[in-house]
Amino acid sequence: MKTVILAGGLGSRLSEETQIKPKPMVEIGGVPILLHIMKIYHHYRFNDFVVALGYKGEIIKDFFINYHPFNSDVTVHLKSGQVKYENTDVDDWTVRMVDTGKDSMTGGRLHRLESILRPHGTFLLTYGDGVANVDVDALVKFHKRHGKLATVTAVRPPARFGTMAFDGDMVLNFKEKPQMGEGWINGGFFVFEPGIFDYLHGDDTILEREPLENMARDGQLMSFRHDGFWHPMDTIRDRDYLDEQWKSGKAPWKVWGGE
């Protein structure tokens, strides 16, 4: 089953970083968030990736083209030009990177991937800027069980500020950045059937508007409710928060072993 990652947006609210790199290449713990997302899927044995490129997509291409040599010991025979890689420590993934247009919307990017995805049936899709400890196996089983065209992972949005409860001037309860107790939002981590392409029409299609709205109208959109950790990386504050979580050694989305 292929896993699509939308990685082509401008990331304007992270302009301090995204002036020189695409948003999915912004680093958490010294590693692009894109790699964190891929490792979540790898933990559940989904290793066949399609990355939808747009803004500064060449930087993502360069990263993966050089991933093998940069994670290996290298011996170069200068006279012959022969290069030998040893002690390679990389995951066994296939990463197909496809230019889906600099200005395409989310649905437009997916629309451009139809010829790659439709022949292979069910596929996964998420955004290249959010991490979660979603049980992807349970998500896929849920999708297969209900038999509809689409499943979206519903999450509770993180609060932007901590909360306190008082008795007079005394703080009775202090909670930093709690998950909001009410309301559900689109958290990405979708599962789709090829029938979704019947709802997509050109580069200007925004996946989260008419396509998902019309699938919901047609009774073809189901929600997988995830009560665990989920966090987007929309701002520098988000980046710093995720980086702190990683450096603490207790990043909730790190479901895989090793580094």
Protein backbone atom coordinates (compact mmCIF):
# COMPACT_ATOMS: atom_id res chain seq x y z
CA MET A 1 0.00 0.00 0.00
CA LYS A 2 1.43 3.36 -1.03
CA THR A 3 1.73 6.29 1.36
CA VAL A 4 1.38 9.80 -0.08
CA ILE A 5 2.88 12.78 1.71
CA LEU A 6 1.84 16.26 0.60
CA ALA A 7 5.07 18.26 0.70
CA GLY A 8 4.61 21.15 -1.70
CA GLY A 9 3.14 24.06 0.26
CA LEU A 10 4.79 27.41 0.94
CA GLY A 11 4.68 27.29 4.75
CA SER A 12 4.33 31.07 4.95
CA ARG A 13 3.82 31.13 8.74
CA LEU A 14 7.25 29.51 9.09
CA SER A 15 8.92 32.02 6.80
CA GLU A 16 12.01 32.23 9.01
CA GLU A 17 12.73 28.65 7.93
CA THR A 18 10.86 28.26 4.66
CA GLN A 19 12.59 31.09 2.82
CA ILE A 20 15.42 28.62 2.25
CA LYS A 21 13.73 25.19 2.43
CA PRO A 22 10.30 23.61 2.02
CA LYS A 23 8.28 23.19 5.21
CA PRO A 24 8.68 19.37 5.41
CA MET A 25 12.46 19.87 5.57
CA VAL A 26 12.28 22.02 8.72
CA GLU A 27 14.17 20.05 11.35
CA ILE A 28 12.95 18.56 14.61
CA GLY A 29 15.84 17.20 16.65
CA GLY A 30 18.20 17.77 13.72
CA VAL A 31 16.05 15.68 11.34
CA PRO A 32 13.46 16.97 8.83
CA ILE A 33 9.89 16.55 10.07
CA LEU A 34 9.24 14.69 6.81
CA LEU A 35 11.51 11.89 8.03
CA HIS A 36 9.71 11.75 11.39
CA ILE A 37 6.41 11.26 9.54
CA MET A 38 7.84 8.55 7.30
CA LYS A 39 9.24 6.69 10.30
CA ILE A 40 5.75 6.63 11.86
CA TYR A 41 4.48 4.80 8.79
CA HIS A 42 7.58 2.60 8.62
CA HIS A 43 6.86 1.40 12.15
CA TYR A 44 3.63 -0.09 10.76
CA ARG A 45 5.48 -1.57 7.75
CA PHE A 46 4.31 0.99 5.19
CA ASN A 47 7.52 1.74 3.29
CA ASP A 48 6.40 2.65 -0.24
CA PHE A 49 6.24 6.46 -0.29
CA VAL A 50 5.08 8.98 -2.88
CA VAL A 51 6.09 12.53 -2.00
CA ALA A 52 4.12 15.27 -3.75
CA LEU A 53 6.59 18.09 -4.39
CA GLY A 54 6.05 21.76 -5.10
CA TYR A 55 7.80 24.71 -3.48
CA LYS A 56 11.58 24.08 -3.37
CA GLY A 57 11.01 20.42 -4.18
CA GLU A 58 14.58 20.10 -5.43
CA ILE A 59 15.78 20.28 -1.81
CA ILE A 60 13.72 17.20 -0.92
CA LYS A 61 15.04 15.41 -4.01
CA ASP A 62 18.61 16.25 -3.08
CA PHE A 63 18.05 14.99 0.48
CA PHE A 64 16.91 11.54 -0.62
CA ILE A 65 19.32 11.21 -3.54
CA ASN A 66 22.17 11.70 -1.06
CA TYR A 67 20.55 9.81 1.81
CA HIS A 68 22.40 6.56 1.09
CA PRO A 69 25.93 8.00 0.82
CA PHE A 70 25.45 10.39 3.73
CA ASN A 71 24.45 7.49 5.96
CA SER A 72 27.28 5.20 4.89
CA ASP A 73 31.03 4.88 5.24
CA VAL A 74 32.47 5.83 1.85
CA THR A 75 35.65 4.74 0.10
CA VAL A 76 36.60 6.56 -3.10
CA HIS A 77 39.25 5.20 -5.48
CA LEU A 78 40.49 8.44 -6.94
CA LYS A 79 42.13 7.02 -10.07
CA SER A 80 39.14 5.00 -11.24
CA GLY A 81 36.43 7.12 -9.66
CA GLN A 82 34.93 3.99 -8.11
CA VAL A 83 32.88 4.65 -4.97
CA LYS A 84 32.20 1.95 -2.39
CA TYR A 85 29.60 2.30 0.37
CA GLU A 86 29.94 0.28 3.55
CA ASN A 87 28.24 0.02 6.95
CA THR A 88 25.12 1.55 5.49
CA ASP A 89 22.45 2.15 8.11
CA VAL A 90 19.29 3.18 6.26
CA ASP A 91 15.71 1.96 6.18
CA ASP A 92 14.46 -0.17 3.29
CA TRP A 93 12.09 2.36 1.73
CA THR A 94 11.06 3.31 -1.78
CA VAL A 95 10.63 7.08 -2.13
CA ARG A 96 9.09 8.37 -5.35
CA MET A 97 9.22 12.15 -5.59
CA VAL A 98 6.80 13.75 -8.04
CA ASP A 99 6.63 17.42 -9.03
CA THR A 100 2.94 18.29 -8.58
CA GLY A 101 3.26 21.99 -9.38
CA LYS A 102 4.52 24.96 -7.43
CA ASP A 103 1.08 26.53 -6.99
CA SER A 104 -1.18 23.45 -6.90
CA MET A 105 -3.65 23.06 -4.04
CA THR A 106 -3.81 19.92 -1.88
CA GLY A 107 -6.45 18.24 -4.03
CA GLY A 108 -4.63 19.33 -7.18
CA ARG A 109 -1.45 17.64 -6.00
CA LEU A 110 -3.33 14.42 -5.32
CA HIS A 111 -5.11 14.70 -8.68
CA ARG A 112 -1.73 14.76 -10.44
CA LEU A 113 -0.82 11.45 -8.78
CA GLU A 114 -3.84 9.56 -10.12
CA SER A 115 -1.92 7.51 -12.70
CA ILE A 116 0.53 6.39 -10.01
CA LEU A 117 -2.03 5.58 -7.32
CA ARG A 118 -5.25 4.40 -8.98
CA PRO A 119 -3.88 1.06 -10.27
CA HIS A 120 -2.74 0.05 -6.78
CA GLY A 121 -6.04 0.44 -4.92
CA THR A 122 -6.23 1.67 -1.32
CA PHE A 123 -3.61 4.24 -0.32
CA LEU A 124 -2.62 6.35 2.68
CA LEU A 125 -2.12 10.11 2.67
CA THR A 126 -1.02 12.74 5.15
CA TYR A 127 0.44 16.22 5.33
CA GLY A 128 4.18 16.83 5.50
CA ASP A 129 3.97 19.04 8.59
CA GLY A 130 2.28 17.14 11.42
CA VAL A 131 3.16 14.25 13.72
CA ALA A 132 1.03 11.94 15.84
CA ASN A 133 1.09 8.60 17.62
CA VAL A 134 -1.75 7.33 15.43
CA ASP A 135 -2.10 3.54 15.31
CA VAL A 136 -1.89 3.23 11.53
CA ASP A 137 -2.72 -0.49 11.61
CA ALA A 138 -5.94 0.22 13.50
CA LEU A 139 -6.69 3.09 11.11
CA VAL A 140 -6.38 0.85 8.04
CA LYS A 141 -8.45 -1.92 9.63
CA PHE A 142 -11.16 0.60 10.48
CA HIS A 143 -11.16 1.83 6.88
CA LYS A 144 -11.39 -1.66 5.42
CA ARG A 145 -14.19 -2.57 7.79
CA HIS A 146 -16.54 0.30 6.87
CA GLY A 147 -16.03 -0.04 3.10
CA LYS A 148 -16.41 3.66 2.21
CA LEU A 149 -14.15 5.73 -0.07
CA ALA A 150 -12.37 7.77 2.58
CA THR A 151 -11.28 7.87 6.20
CA VAL A 152 -9.95 10.97 7.92
CA THR A 153 -8.24 10.85 11.29
CA ALA A 154 -10.12 13.18 13.63
CA VAL A 155 -8.02 14.74 16.39
CA ARG A 156 -8.50 17.21 19.20
CA PRO A 157 -6.56 20.41 18.51
CA PRO A 158 -3.80 21.37 20.91
CA ALA A 159 -4.44 24.52 22.93
CA ARG A 160 -2.04 27.36 22.15
CA PHE A 161 -1.75 28.41 25.78
CA GLY A 162 -1.71 26.69 29.16
CA THR A 163 -4.66 26.84 31.54
CA MET A 164 -4.94 27.62 35.24
CA ALA A 165 -7.72 27.29 37.80
CA PHE A 166 -7.89 29.70 40.77
CA ASP A 167 -9.28 30.07 44.25
CA GLY A 168 -8.91 33.79 44.73
CA ASP A 169 -5.29 34.46 43.90
CA MET A 170 -4.18 30.89 44.63
CA VAL A 171 -3.49 28.64 41.64
CA LEU A 172 -5.33 25.37 42.20
CA ASN A 173 -4.45 23.75 38.90
CA PHE A 174 -1.85 24.49 36.25
CA LYS A 175 -1.78 22.63 32.95
CA GLU A 176 0.61 23.52 30.16
CA LYS A 177 -0.71 23.27 26.58
CA PRO A 178 -3.52 20.81 27.25
CA GLN A 179 -5.37 19.00 24.49
CA MET A 180 -8.74 20.68 24.09
CA GLY A 181 -11.56 18.69 25.63
CA GLU A 182 -14.14 19.47 22.96
CA GLY A 183 -14.25 19.57 19.20
CA TRP A 184 -12.58 17.47 16.53
CA ILE A 185 -10.57 18.64 13.52
CA ASN A 186 -8.92 17.12 10.46
CA GLY A 187 -5.61 15.63 11.58
CA GLY A 188 -4.54 14.17 8.23
CA PHE A 189 -3.56 10.49 8.29
CA PHE A 190 -6.16 9.64 5.65
CA VAL A 191 -6.98 6.34 3.96
CA PHE A 192 -8.48 6.58 0.47
CA GLU A 193 -9.89 4.33 -2.21
CA PRO A 194 -9.21 5.22 -5.87
CA GLY A 195 -12.80 6.47 -6.16
CA ILE A 196 -11.62 9.70 -4.55
CA PHE A 197 -10.21 10.76 -7.92
CA ASP A 198 -13.77 11.16 -9.19
CA TYR A 199 -14.06 14.08 -6.72
CA LEU A 200 -10.86 15.86 -7.83
CA HIS A 201 -10.75 18.35 -10.71
CA GLY A 202 -7.50 20.13 -11.58
CA ASP A 203 -4.72 21.98 -9.78
CA ASP A 204 -7.02 24.44 -8.01
CA THR A 205 -8.89 21.71 -6.13
CA ILE A 206 -8.58 22.06 -2.37
CA LEU A 207 -8.95 18.57 -0.89
CA GLU A 208 -10.43 19.88 2.35
CA ARG A 209 -13.26 21.76 0.64
CA GLU A 210 -15.47 20.37 -2.14
CA PRO A 211 -13.93 16.87 -2.37
CA LEU A 212 -14.24 16.00 1.33
CA GLU A 213 -17.47 17.99 1.70
CA ASN A 214 -19.03 16.14 -1.23
CA MET A 215 -17.84 12.75 0.00
CA ALA A 216 -19.41 13.53 3.37
CA ARG A 217 -22.65 14.51 1.57
CA ASP A 218 -22.54 11.20 -0.33
CA GLY A 219 -21.95 9.19 2.84
CA GLN A 220 -18.46 8.19 1.71
CA LEU A 221 -16.34 9.86 4.43
CA MET A 222 -15.74 8.21 7.80
CA SER A 223 -13.76 9.46 10.82
CA PHE A 224 -11.18 7.53 12.79
CA ARG A 225 -11.07 9.27 16.16
CA HIS A 226 -7.59 9.62 17.64
CA ASP A 227 -7.51 10.73 21.27
CA GLY A 228 -3.73 10.50 21.55
CA PHE A 229 -0.97 12.94 20.64
CA TRP A 230 -1.20 15.04 17.49
CA HIS A 231 0.55 18.30 16.72
CA PRO A 232 1.00 20.37 13.57
CA MET A 233 4.06 22.45 12.76
CA ASP A 234 2.49 25.66 11.55
CA THR A 235 4.63 28.25 13.35
CA ILE A 236 8.06 28.72 14.88
CA ARG A 237 6.41 28.18 18.25
CA ASP A 238 5.17 24.79 17.05
CA ARG A 239 8.63 23.90 15.77
CA ASP A 240 10.23 24.84 19.07
CA TYR A 241 7.63 22.86 21.04
CA LEU A 242 8.19 19.72 18.96
CA ASP A 243 11.94 20.17 19.17
CA GLU A 244 11.73 20.40 22.97
CA GLN A 245 9.62 17.25 23.06
CA TRP A 246 12.21 15.41 20.97
CA LYS A 247 15.16 16.59 23.04
CA SER A 248 13.38 15.49 26.23
CA GLY A 249 13.58 11.90 24.99
CA LYS A 250 9.82 11.54 25.42
CA ALA A 251 8.46 12.62 22.04
CA PRO A 252 4.98 11.02 21.96
CA TRP A 253 5.03 10.42 18.20
CA LYS A 254 8.26 8.38 18.35
CA VAL A 255 6.62 4.97 18.06
CA TRP A 256 9.64 3.44 16.34
CA GLY A 257 12.78 2.07 18.01
CA GLY A 258 16.32 3.41 17.75
CA GLU A 259 17.16 6.99 16.83
